[in-house]
Amino acid sequence: MTTSTPAPSRRRMAARAQLAGSALCFGLMAILARKLTMPDMGFTAGHLAVLRFVVGALFSLAAFGLIPGLYRPSNHRLLVMRGLSGGAVVVLYFYALARIPAGEAGILYNVYPVVAVAMSLVIFQERPTIHLWLAILAASLGVGMVLSQGHLGLGFGRGQVAALAAAVFAATSANAIRAVRHTDNAATIFFFFCIAGLPVVLPFALTPWPGGAGPWALAVLMSLLAYAGQLLMSEAYGTLSVPEAAIWLQLLPIVQYLLAVPLLGERITFPGLAGVLITVAGVTYGTVLGHRRRA
C-alpha cells in the first residue's frame, strides 16, 4: 500500500540540502569579502554591496528572459520590505568583515536565527518558552568567548556592532522570506532583494572604485556566490519553517570559521572554537525546543 509521505519527505530533504549549499556559498562569500576589503585590494563594504546587487539583478533579468513566467510578483509590500532589510544586512555585514576577522564576524552575525525565532513567536502570537531564553543565554556566552580571544578583548567596536545589527536585519529578512514564499517564487524574491536593496547601499559606495582585473574577478565571483546562496536559502524557506531552517543555517559559522584558517591565515584558538560550538549548540537548542507548538 502506498502513502503520500515520501514526496513531502523528499521535499524537506531537498530543502535541507539547499540550506547546506547556501551555508557553503555564504561562507566562501564572506571569506572573499574579507579579502577584498583589505588595503591591497581597495574595495569598501559599500562597493561590494552595490556590486552584489547589480550582478544579482542582471542575472535575474537574464533568467526572466530565458524562462517565461519566472517573474511573478504578487505581494509587493513584503517583497519591498525584504529588499530594504536585506540591503541593510549586506552593507552592515560587509562593513563588519572589513574591520574584524571573518570568523568573529560570522559568529556574531549567526545570532540572527535565535532573533528570527523570537520574531516568529511574536508574528504567530505565541509566548516565548524557557528553552528560548536558555538558548539566548548560551549563544551570548559563546559570543563572549569568541570576543575574548579577539584583538578587542571583551569590548565592542564598530565591526562587532555592525555584525550584530546585521543579525537583527537578517532575522527580519528571514521572517519576510518565509511569509512571502507563500505567494512568490525564490527568483522573484531575489530580484526585489536586489532592486529594493540597491538604494540602501548606494550612498556607501561613492568613494573611488579600485582597478585591476584580479580584484574585480574575485569581486564578481563573490557576487555570484552570494547570488547562489540567496536563491538556495529562499527556495528552502518555501518548505521549511523559520525554526527548522535555522537549525541548518548553523553550518554557516562553522564553514566560515574553518575556511578563514587556510584562506585568510586566521588562527583557531581553543576559546574561539569552544565559543563557536557553544553558540551553535545554543542556537540549535533554541530553534528545536524554543518554538511553542500550537494546539
C-alpha atoms as a PDB file:
ATOM      1  CA  MET A   1       0.000   0.000   0.000  1.00  0.00           C
ATOM      2  CA  THR A   2       1.381   3.386  -0.959  1.00  0.00           C
ATOM      3  CA  THR A   3       1.220   6.538   1.135  1.00  0.00           C
ATOM      4  CA  SER A   4       1.695  10.239   0.431  1.00  0.00           C
ATOM      5  CA  THR A   5       4.543  10.767   2.907  1.00  0.00           C
ATOM      6  CA  PRO A   6       7.605  10.094   0.669  1.00  0.00           C
ATOM      7  CA  ALA A   7       7.045  13.197  -1.525  1.00  0.00           C
ATOM      8  CA  PRO A   8       6.910  15.714   1.378  1.00  0.00           C
ATOM      9  CA  SER A   9       9.860  13.925   2.955  1.00  0.00           C
ATOM     10  CA  ARG A  10      11.885  14.310  -0.235  1.00  0.00           C
ATOM     11  CA  ARG A  11      10.994  17.993  -0.395  1.00  0.00           C
ATOM     12  CA  ARG A  12      12.221  18.513   3.148  1.00  0.00           C
ATOM     13  CA  MET A  13      15.460  16.647   2.462  1.00  0.00           C
ATOM     14  CA  ALA A  14      15.975  18.759  -0.676  1.00  0.00           C
ATOM     15  CA  ALA A  15      15.328  21.954   1.329  1.00  0.00           C
ATOM     16  CA  ARG A  16      17.885  20.912   3.947  1.00  0.00           C
ATOM     17  CA  ALA A  17      20.434  20.209   1.220  1.00  0.00           C
ATOM     18  CA  GLN A  18      19.686  23.652  -0.242  1.00  0.00           C
ATOM     19  CA  LEU A  19      20.422  25.287   3.118  1.00  0.00           C
ATOM     20  CA  ALA A  20      23.665  23.313   3.430  1.00  0.00           C
ATOM     21  CA  GLY A  21      24.673  24.548  -0.029  1.00  0.00           C
ATOM     22  CA  SER A  22      23.598  28.069   0.929  1.00  0.00           C
ATOM     23  CA  ALA A  23      25.834  27.954   4.004  1.00  0.00           C
ATOM     24  CA  LEU A  24      28.814  26.913   1.881  1.00  0.00           C
ATOM     25  CA  CYS A  25      28.177  29.701  -0.660  1.00  0.00           C
ATOM     26  CA  PHE A  26      27.767  32.364   2.030  1.00  0.00           C
ATOM     27  CA  GLY A  27      30.852  31.118   3.894  1.00  0.00           C
ATOM     28  CA  LEU A  28      33.013  31.448   0.779  1.00  0.00           C
ATOM     29  CA  MET A  29      31.383  34.814   0.026  1.00  0.00           C
ATOM     30  CA  ALA A  30      32.376  36.123   3.451  1.00  0.00           C
ATOM     31  CA  ILE A  31      35.968  34.945   3.004  1.00  0.00           C
ATOM     32  CA  LEU A  32      36.233  36.737  -0.343  1.00  0.00           C
ATOM     33  CA  ALA A  33      34.578  39.871   1.060  1.00  0.00           C
ATOM     34  CA  ARG A  34      37.096  39.938   3.904  1.00  0.00           C
ATOM     35  CA  LYS A  35      39.969  39.576   1.427  1.00  0.00           C
ATOM     36  CA  LEU A  36      38.601  42.205  -0.979  1.00  0.00           C
ATOM     37  CA  THR A  37      38.275  44.835   1.757  1.00  0.00           C
ATOM     38  CA  MET A  38      41.938  44.522   2.721  1.00  0.00           C
ATOM     39  CA  PRO A  39      44.092  47.574   1.849  1.00  0.00           C
ATOM     40  CA  ASP A  40      45.857  45.928  -1.099  1.00  0.00           C
ATOM     41  CA  MET A  41      42.531  45.190  -2.846  1.00  0.00           C
ATOM     42  CA  GLY A  42      40.863  48.575  -2.354  1.00  0.00           C
ATOM     43  CA  PHE A  43      37.180  47.634  -2.194  1.00  0.00           C
ATOM     44  CA  THR A  44      34.967  49.045   0.538  1.00  0.00           C
ATOM     45  CA  ALA A  45      31.898  47.471   2.105  1.00  0.00           C
ATOM     46  CA  GLY A  46      29.720  49.807   0.027  1.00  0.00           C
ATOM     47  CA  HIS A  47      31.460  48.823  -3.215  1.00  0.00           C
ATOM     48  CA  LEU A  48      30.897  45.124  -2.582  1.00  0.00           C
ATOM     49  CA  ALA A  49      27.282  45.634  -1.556  1.00  0.00           C
ATOM     50  CA  VAL A  50      26.478  47.590  -4.733  1.00  0.00           C
ATOM     51  CA  LEU A  51      28.312  45.071  -6.915  1.00  0.00           C
ATOM     52  CA  ARG A  52      26.458  42.184  -5.287  1.00  0.00           C
ATOM     53  CA  PHE A  53      23.074  43.752  -6.019  1.00  0.00           C
ATOM     54  CA  VAL A  54      23.940  44.816  -9.590  1.00  0.00           C
ATOM     55  CA  VAL A  55      25.275  41.364 -10.517  1.00  0.00           C
ATOM     56  CA  GLY A  56      22.273  39.702  -8.883  1.00  0.00           C
ATOM     57  CA  ALA A  57      19.792  41.946 -10.701  1.00  0.00           C
ATOM     58  CA  LEU A  58      21.478  41.358 -14.083  1.00  0.00           C
ATOM     59  CA  PHE A  59      21.472  37.584 -13.630  1.00  0.00           C
ATOM     60  CA  SER A  60      17.844  37.730 -12.520  1.00  0.00           C
ATOM     61  CA  LEU A  61      16.835  39.692 -15.628  1.00  0.00           C
ATOM     62  CA  ALA A  62      18.665  37.163 -17.790  1.00  0.00           C
ATOM     63  CA  ALA A  63      16.840  34.306 -16.071  1.00  0.00           C
ATOM     64  CA  PHE A  64      13.474  36.052 -16.526  1.00  0.00           C
ATOM     65  CA  GLY A  65      14.188  36.421 -20.247  1.00  0.00           C
ATOM     66  CA  LEU A  66      15.145  32.762 -20.655  1.00  0.00           C
ATOM     67  CA  ILE A  67      12.330  31.288 -18.531  1.00  0.00           C
ATOM     68  CA  PRO A  68       8.889  32.745 -19.359  1.00  0.00           C
ATOM     69  CA  GLY A  69       6.657  33.159 -16.328  1.00  0.00           C
ATOM     70  CA  LEU A  70       9.501  33.049 -13.823  1.00  0.00           C
ATOM     71  CA  TYR A  71       8.930  36.680 -12.833  1.00  0.00           C
ATOM     72  CA  ARG A  72       5.619  36.601 -10.928  1.00  0.00           C
ATOM     73  CA  PRO A  73       5.458  39.314  -8.226  1.00  0.00           C
ATOM     74  CA  SER A  74       2.383  39.190  -6.024  1.00  0.00           C
ATOM     75  CA  ASN A  75       2.927  40.571  -2.517  1.00  0.00           C
ATOM     76  CA  HIS A  76       4.744  43.797  -3.396  1.00  0.00           C
ATOM     77  CA  ARG A  77       4.737  45.154   0.156  1.00  0.00           C
ATOM     78  CA  LEU A  78       6.552  42.137   1.594  1.00  0.00           C
ATOM     79  CA  LEU A  79       8.887  41.946  -1.393  1.00  0.00           C
ATOM     80  CA  VAL A  80       9.995  45.558  -0.910  1.00  0.00           C
ATOM     81  CA  MET A  81      10.320  45.125   2.866  1.00  0.00           C
ATOM     82  CA  ARG A  82      12.506  42.069   2.343  1.00  0.00           C
ATOM     83  CA  GLY A  83      14.652  44.052  -0.102  1.00  0.00           C
ATOM     84  CA  LEU A  84      15.131  47.012   2.240  1.00  0.00           C
ATOM     85  CA  SER A  85      16.033  44.860   5.246  1.00  0.00           C
ATOM     86  CA  GLY A  86      18.302  42.746   3.051  1.00  0.00           C
ATOM     87  CA  GLY A  87      20.112  45.841   1.846  1.00  0.00           C
ATOM     88  CA  ALA A  88      20.830  46.824   5.438  1.00  0.00           C
ATOM     89  CA  VAL A  89      22.112  43.295   6.134  1.00  0.00           C
ATOM     90  CA  VAL A  90      24.531  43.351   3.213  1.00  0.00           C
ATOM     91  CA  VAL A  91      26.148  46.712   3.882  1.00  0.00           C
ATOM     92  CA  LEU A  92      26.387  46.129   7.660  1.00  0.00           C
ATOM     93  CA  TYR A  93      27.853  42.643   7.263  1.00  0.00           C
ATOM     94  CA  PHE A  94      30.424  43.741   4.680  1.00  0.00           C
ATOM     95  CA  TYR A  95      31.303  46.654   6.963  1.00  0.00           C
ATOM     96  CA  ALA A  96      31.903  44.180   9.789  1.00  0.00           C
ATOM     97  CA  LEU A  97      34.004  41.909   7.566  1.00  0.00           C
ATOM     98  CA  ALA A  98      36.164  44.897   6.630  1.00  0.00           C
ATOM     99  CA  ARG A  99      37.006  45.583  10.280  1.00  0.00           C
ATOM    100  CA  ILE A 100      37.084  42.305  12.214  1.00  0.00           C
ATOM    101  CA  PRO A 101      38.202  38.725  11.388  1.00  0.00           C
ATOM    102  CA  ALA A 102      35.785  36.708   9.241  1.00  0.00           C
ATOM    103  CA  GLY A 103      35.333  34.058  11.937  1.00  0.00           C
ATOM    104  CA  GLU A 104      34.431  36.651  14.553  1.00  0.00           C
ATOM    105  CA  ALA A 105      32.043  38.461  12.209  1.00  0.00           C
ATOM    106  CA  GLY A 106      30.405  35.168  11.309  1.00  0.00           C
ATOM    107  CA  ILE A 107      29.737  34.050  14.855  1.00  0.00           C
ATOM    108  CA  LEU A 108      28.281  37.430  15.836  1.00  0.00           C
ATOM    109  CA  TYR A 109      26.103  37.537  12.747  1.00  0.00           C
ATOM    110  CA  ASN A 110      24.940  33.978  13.376  1.00  0.00           C
ATOM    111  CA  VAL A 111      22.933  35.080  16.413  1.00  0.00           C
ATOM    112  CA  TYR A 112      20.214  36.024  13.918  1.00  0.00           C
ATOM    113  CA  PRO A 113      18.469  32.586  13.845  1.00  0.00           C
ATOM    114  CA  VAL A 114      17.526  32.928  17.528  1.00  0.00           C
ATOM    115  CA  VAL A 115      16.337  36.501  16.876  1.00  0.00           C
ATOM    116  CA  ALA A 116      14.355  35.216  13.891  1.00  0.00           C
ATOM    117  CA  VAL A 117      12.700  32.543  16.021  1.00  0.00           C
ATOM    118  CA  ALA A 118      11.811  35.136  18.667  1.00  0.00           C
ATOM    119  CA  MET A 119      10.270  37.326  15.967  1.00  0.00           C
ATOM    120  CA  SER A 120       8.297  34.384  14.593  1.00  0.00           C
ATOM    121  CA  LEU A 121       6.858  33.805  18.062  1.00  0.00           C
ATOM    122  CA  VAL A 122       5.531  37.362  18.058  1.00  0.00           C
ATOM    123  CA  ILE A 123       4.247  37.129  14.497  1.00  0.00           C
ATOM    124  CA  PHE A 124       2.307  33.965  15.289  1.00  0.00           C
ATOM    125  CA  GLN A 125       1.203  35.347  18.683  1.00  0.00           C
ATOM    126  CA  GLU A 126       2.982  32.670  20.687  1.00  0.00           C
ATOM    127  CA  ARG A 127       4.728  33.151  24.013  1.00  0.00           C
ATOM    128  CA  PRO A 128       8.489  32.579  24.349  1.00  0.00           C
ATOM    129  CA  THR A 129       9.428  29.384  26.167  1.00  0.00           C
ATOM    130  CA  ILE A 130      12.066  28.843  28.831  1.00  0.00           C
ATOM    131  CA  HIS A 131      14.026  26.895  26.208  1.00  0.00           C
ATOM    132  CA  LEU A 132      14.327  30.011  24.055  1.00  0.00           C
ATOM    133  CA  TRP A 133      15.693  32.102  26.913  1.00  0.00           C
ATOM    134  CA  LEU A 134      18.211  29.358  27.782  1.00  0.00           C
ATOM    135  CA  ALA A 135      19.281  29.258  24.139  1.00  0.00           C
ATOM    136  CA  ILE A 136      19.822  33.020  24.058  1.00  0.00           C
ATOM    137  CA  LEU A 137      21.919  32.798  27.220  1.00  0.00           C
ATOM    138  CA  ALA A 138      24.051  30.004  25.761  1.00  0.00           C
ATOM    139  CA  ALA A 139      24.503  31.838  22.460  1.00  0.00           C
ATOM    140  CA  SER A 140      25.519  35.011  24.304  1.00  0.00           C
ATOM    141  CA  LEU A 141      28.081  33.024  26.303  1.00  0.00           C
ATOM    142  CA  GLY A 142      29.541  31.616  23.106  1.00  0.00           C
ATOM    143  CA  VAL A 143      29.774  35.058  21.520  1.00  0.00           C
ATOM    144  CA  GLY A 144      31.557  36.337  24.627  1.00  0.00           C
ATOM    145  CA  MET A 145      34.109  33.517  24.371  1.00  0.00           C
ATOM    146  CA  VAL A 146      34.830  34.360  20.745  1.00  0.00           C
ATOM    147  CA  LEU A 147      35.242  38.053  21.572  1.00  0.00           C
ATOM    148  CA  SER A 148      37.520  37.234  24.494  1.00  0.00           C
ATOM    149  CA  GLN A 149      40.147  35.833  22.120  1.00  0.00           C
ATOM    150  CA  GLY A 150      39.832  38.670  19.583  1.00  0.00           C
ATOM    151  CA  HIS A 151      42.062  41.699  19.322  1.00  0.00           C
ATOM    152  CA  LEU A 152      39.473  43.868  21.062  1.00  0.00           C
ATOM    153  CA  GLY A 153      39.112  41.607  24.103  1.00  0.00           C
ATOM    154  CA  LEU A 154      35.633  41.794  25.593  1.00  0.00           C
ATOM    155  CA  GLY A 155      34.990  45.258  24.256  1.00  0.00           C
ATOM    156  CA  PHE A 156      32.797  46.177  21.336  1.00  0.00           C
ATOM    157  CA  GLY A 157      33.996  48.146  18.349  1.00  0.00           C
ATOM    158  CA  ARG A 158      32.243  49.294  15.200  1.00  0.00           C
ATOM    159  CA  GLY A 159      32.784  45.949  13.472  1.00  0.00           C
ATOM    160  CA  GLN A 160      31.120  43.975  16.261  1.00  0.00           C
ATOM    161  CA  VAL A 161      28.184  46.383  16.485  1.00  0.00           C
ATOM    162  CA  ALA A 162      27.724  46.215  12.700  1.00  0.00           C
ATOM    163  CA  ALA A 163      27.704  42.402  12.747  1.00  0.00           C
ATOM    164  CA  LEU A 164      25.050  42.315  15.492  1.00  0.00           C
ATOM    165  CA  ALA A 165      22.950  44.955  13.718  1.00  0.00           C
ATOM    166  CA  ALA A 166      23.181  42.861  10.549  1.00  0.00           C
ATOM    167  CA  ALA A 167      21.885  39.906  12.571  1.00  0.00           C
ATOM    168  CA  VAL A 168      18.752  41.848  13.591  1.00  0.00           C
ATOM    169  CA  PHE A 169      18.007  42.857   9.997  1.00  0.00           C
ATOM    170  CA  ALA A 170      18.743  39.300   8.815  1.00  0.00           C
ATOM    171  CA  ALA A 171      16.168  37.968  11.285  1.00  0.00           C
ATOM    172  CA  THR A 172      13.630  40.399   9.848  1.00  0.00           C
ATOM    173  CA  SER A 173      14.508  39.238   6.350  1.00  0.00           C
ATOM    174  CA  ALA A 174      14.173  35.567   7.305  1.00  0.00           C
ATOM    175  CA  ASN A 175      10.608  36.060   8.515  1.00  0.00           C
ATOM    176  CA  ALA A 176       9.764  38.188   5.474  1.00  0.00           C
ATOM    177  CA  ILE A 177      11.088  35.498   3.129  1.00  0.00           C
ATOM    178  CA  ARG A 178       9.121  32.817   4.932  1.00  0.00           C
ATOM    179  CA  ALA A 179       5.940  34.897   4.672  1.00  0.00           C
ATOM    180  CA  VAL A 180       6.336  35.940   1.045  1.00  0.00           C
ATOM    181  CA  ARG A 181       7.210  32.411  -0.131  1.00  0.00           C
ATOM    182  CA  HIS A 182       3.502  31.618   0.171  1.00  0.00           C
ATOM    183  CA  THR A 183       2.816  33.903  -2.807  1.00  0.00           C
ATOM    184  CA  ASP A 184       6.109  34.460  -4.678  1.00  0.00           C
ATOM    185  CA  ASN A 185       8.904  32.242  -6.000  1.00  0.00           C
ATOM    186  CA  ALA A 186      12.565  32.450  -4.969  1.00  0.00           C
ATOM    187  CA  ALA A 187      13.730  34.145  -8.190  1.00  0.00           C
ATOM    188  CA  THR A 188      11.188  36.970  -7.848  1.00  0.00           C
ATOM    189  CA  ILE A 189      12.063  37.457  -4.176  1.00  0.00           C
ATOM    190  CA  PHE A 190      15.758  37.707  -5.009  1.00  0.00           C
ATOM    191  CA  PHE A 191      15.139  40.241  -7.788  1.00  0.00           C
ATOM    192  CA  PHE A 192      13.249  42.538  -5.412  1.00  0.00           C
ATOM    193  CA  PHE A 193      16.028  41.971  -2.852  1.00  0.00           C
ATOM    194  CA  CYS A 194      18.472  43.458  -5.363  1.00  0.00           C
ATOM    195  CA  ILE A 195      16.271  46.276  -6.674  1.00  0.00           C
ATOM    196  CA  ALA A 196      14.958  47.465  -3.292  1.00  0.00           C
ATOM    197  CA  GLY A 197      18.287  46.922  -1.547  1.00  0.00           C
ATOM    198  CA  LEU A 198      20.396  48.852  -4.068  1.00  0.00           C
ATOM    199  CA  PRO A 199      19.244  52.356  -2.964  1.00  0.00           C
ATOM    200  CA  VAL A 200      20.047  51.398   0.637  1.00  0.00           C
ATOM    201  CA  VAL A 201      23.693  50.560  -0.087  1.00  0.00           C
ATOM    202  CA  LEU A 202      24.408  53.050  -2.916  1.00  0.00           C
ATOM    203  CA  PRO A 203      25.292  56.015  -0.626  1.00  0.00           C
ATOM    204  CA  PHE A 204      28.088  53.883   0.898  1.00  0.00           C
ATOM    205  CA  ALA A 205      29.800  53.375  -2.482  1.00  0.00           C
ATOM    206  CA  LEU A 206      30.514  56.973  -3.502  1.00  0.00           C
ATOM    207  CA  THR A 207      34.265  56.740  -2.873  1.00  0.00           C
ATOM    208  CA  PRO A 208      36.608  55.974  -5.818  1.00  0.00           C
ATOM    209  CA  TRP A 209      36.413  52.376  -7.012  1.00  0.00           C
ATOM    210  CA  PRO A 210      39.580  50.245  -7.328  1.00  0.00           C
ATOM    211  CA  GLY A 211      41.044  48.967 -10.582  1.00  0.00           C
ATOM    212  CA  GLY A 212      42.775  45.765 -11.622  1.00  0.00           C
ATOM    213  CA  ALA A 213      41.406  42.653 -13.315  1.00  0.00           C
ATOM    214  CA  GLY A 214      42.312  40.325 -10.433  1.00  0.00           C
ATOM    215  CA  PRO A 215      40.372  42.095  -7.656  1.00  0.00           C
ATOM    216  CA  TRP A 216      37.385  42.618  -9.958  1.00  0.00           C
ATOM    217  CA  ALA A 217      37.323  38.933 -10.910  1.00  0.00           C
ATOM    218  CA  LEU A 218      37.244  37.987  -7.227  1.00  0.00           C
ATOM    219  CA  ALA A 219      34.530  40.589  -6.592  1.00  0.00           C
ATOM    220  CA  VAL A 220      32.334  39.175  -9.354  1.00  0.00           C
ATOM    221  CA  LEU A 221      32.919  35.642  -8.018  1.00  0.00           C
ATOM    222  CA  MET A 222      31.888  36.852  -4.563  1.00  0.00           C
ATOM    223  CA  SER A 223      28.691  38.292  -6.057  1.00  0.00           C
ATOM    224  CA  LEU A 224      27.893  35.022  -7.837  1.00  0.00           C
ATOM    225  CA  LEU A 225      28.378  33.055  -4.617  1.00  0.00           C
ATOM    226  CA  ALA A 226      26.004  35.461  -2.873  1.00  0.00           C
ATOM    227  CA  TYR A 227      23.516  35.011  -5.735  1.00  0.00           C
ATOM    228  CA  ALA A 228      23.608  31.219  -5.404  1.00  0.00           C
ATOM    229  CA  GLY A 229      23.429  31.277  -1.600  1.00  0.00           C
ATOM    230  CA  GLN A 230      20.469  33.656  -1.540  1.00  0.00           C
ATOM    231  CA  LEU A 231      18.478  31.689  -4.106  1.00  0.00           C
ATOM    232  CA  LEU A 232      19.087  28.388  -2.305  1.00  0.00           C
ATOM    233  CA  MET A 233      18.031  29.891   1.024  1.00  0.00           C
ATOM    234  CA  SER A 234      14.871  31.496  -0.396  1.00  0.00           C
ATOM    235  CA  GLU A 235      13.914  28.240  -2.105  1.00  0.00           C
ATOM    236  CA  ALA A 236      14.369  26.270   1.129  1.00  0.00           C
ATOM    237  CA  TYR A 237      12.127  28.669   3.067  1.00  0.00           C
ATOM    238  CA  GLY A 238       9.286  27.585   0.807  1.00  0.00           C
ATOM    239  CA  THR A 239       9.349  24.171   2.524  1.00  0.00           C
ATOM    240  CA  LEU A 240      10.874  24.646   5.989  1.00  0.00           C
ATOM    241  CA  SER A 241       9.692  26.817   8.867  1.00  0.00           C
ATOM    242  CA  VAL A 242      11.902  29.560  10.293  1.00  0.00           C
ATOM    243  CA  PRO A 243      12.944  27.471  13.344  1.00  0.00           C
ATOM    244  CA  GLU A 244      13.752  24.351  11.334  1.00  0.00           C
ATOM    245  CA  ALA A 245      15.647  26.330   8.707  1.00  0.00           C
ATOM    246  CA  ALA A 246      17.678  27.984  11.466  1.00  0.00           C
ATOM    247  CA  ILE A 247      18.987  24.586  12.543  1.00  0.00           C
ATOM    248  CA  TRP A 248      20.665  24.035   9.191  1.00  0.00           C
ATOM    249  CA  LEU A 249      21.917  27.612   8.998  1.00  0.00           C
ATOM    250  CA  GLN A 250      24.252  26.720  11.858  1.00  0.00           C
ATOM    251  CA  LEU A 251      26.528  25.265   9.191  1.00  0.00           C
ATOM    252  CA  LEU A 252      27.401  28.840   8.132  1.00  0.00           C
ATOM    253  CA  PRO A 253      29.594  29.899  11.091  1.00  0.00           C
ATOM    254  CA  ILE A 254      31.344  26.535  11.101  1.00  0.00           C
ATOM    255  CA  VAL A 255      32.170  26.812   7.405  1.00  0.00           C
ATOM    256  CA  GLN A 256      33.214  30.445   7.701  1.00  0.00           C
ATOM    257  CA  TYR A 257      35.328  29.978  10.825  1.00  0.00           C
ATOM    258  CA  LEU A 258      37.179  26.977   9.361  1.00  0.00           C
ATOM    259  CA  LEU A 259      37.650  28.396   5.850  1.00  0.00           C
ATOM    260  CA  ALA A 260      39.209  31.549   7.293  1.00  0.00           C
ATOM    261  CA  VAL A 261      42.153  29.474   8.547  1.00  0.00           C
ATOM    262  CA  PRO A 262      43.622  28.275   5.194  1.00  0.00           C
ATOM    263  CA  LEU A 263      42.292  31.123   3.023  1.00  0.00           C
ATOM    264  CA  LEU A 264      42.929  34.160   5.229  1.00  0.00           C
ATOM    265  CA  GLY A 265      45.566  32.892   7.621  1.00  0.00           C
ATOM    266  CA  GLU A 266      43.336  33.370  10.666  1.00  0.00           C
ATOM    267  CA  ARG A 267      44.056  31.012  13.537  1.00  0.00           C
ATOM    268  CA  ILE A 268      41.763  28.831  15.576  1.00  0.00           C
ATOM    269  CA  THR A 269      42.117  29.160  19.332  1.00  0.00           C
ATOM    270  CA  PHE A 270      40.574  26.961  21.969  1.00  0.00           C
ATOM    271  CA  PRO A 271      38.316  29.740  23.372  1.00  0.00           C
ATOM    272  CA  GLY A 272      37.247  30.673  19.855  1.00  0.00           C
ATOM    273  CA  LEU A 273      36.448  27.095  18.869  1.00  0.00           C
ATOM    274  CA  ALA A 274      34.649  26.477  22.167  1.00  0.00           C
ATOM    275  CA  GLY A 275      32.666  29.688  21.634  1.00  0.00           C
ATOM    276  CA  VAL A 276      31.621  28.554  18.159  1.00  0.00           C
ATOM    277  CA  LEU A 277      30.473  25.176  19.471  1.00  0.00           C
ATOM    278  CA  ILE A 278      28.589  26.678  22.420  1.00  0.00           C
ATOM    279  CA  THR A 279      26.890  29.286  20.243  1.00  0.00           C
ATOM    280  CA  VAL A 280      25.900  26.711  17.631  1.00  0.00           C
ATOM    281  CA  ALA A 281      24.612  24.399  20.352  1.00  0.00           C
ATOM    282  CA  GLY A 282      22.655  27.229  21.985  1.00  0.00           C
ATOM    283  CA  VAL A 283      21.082  28.438  18.759  1.00  0.00           C
ATOM    284  CA  THR A 284      20.220  24.888  17.704  1.00  0.00           C
ATOM    285  CA  TYR A 285      18.693  24.168  21.096  1.00  0.00           C
ATOM    286  CA  GLY A 286      16.588  27.303  20.823  1.00  0.00           C
ATOM    287  CA  THR A 287      15.390  26.575  17.300  1.00  0.00           C
ATOM    288  CA  VAL A 288      14.469  22.985  18.169  1.00  0.00           C
ATOM    289  CA  LEU A 289      12.757  23.496  21.523  1.00  0.00           C
ATOM    290  CA  GLY A 290      12.183  27.244  21.743  1.00  0.00           C
ATOM    291  CA  HIS A 291       9.151  27.335  19.458  1.00  0.00           C
ATOM    292  CA  ARG A 292       5.937  26.627  21.310  1.00  0.00           C
ATOM    293  CA  ARG A 293       3.745  24.252  19.330  1.00  0.00           C
ATOM    294  CA  ARG A 294       0.192  25.181  18.555  1.00  0.00           C
ATOM    295  CA  ALA A 295      -2.610  23.093  19.914  1.00  0.00           C
END
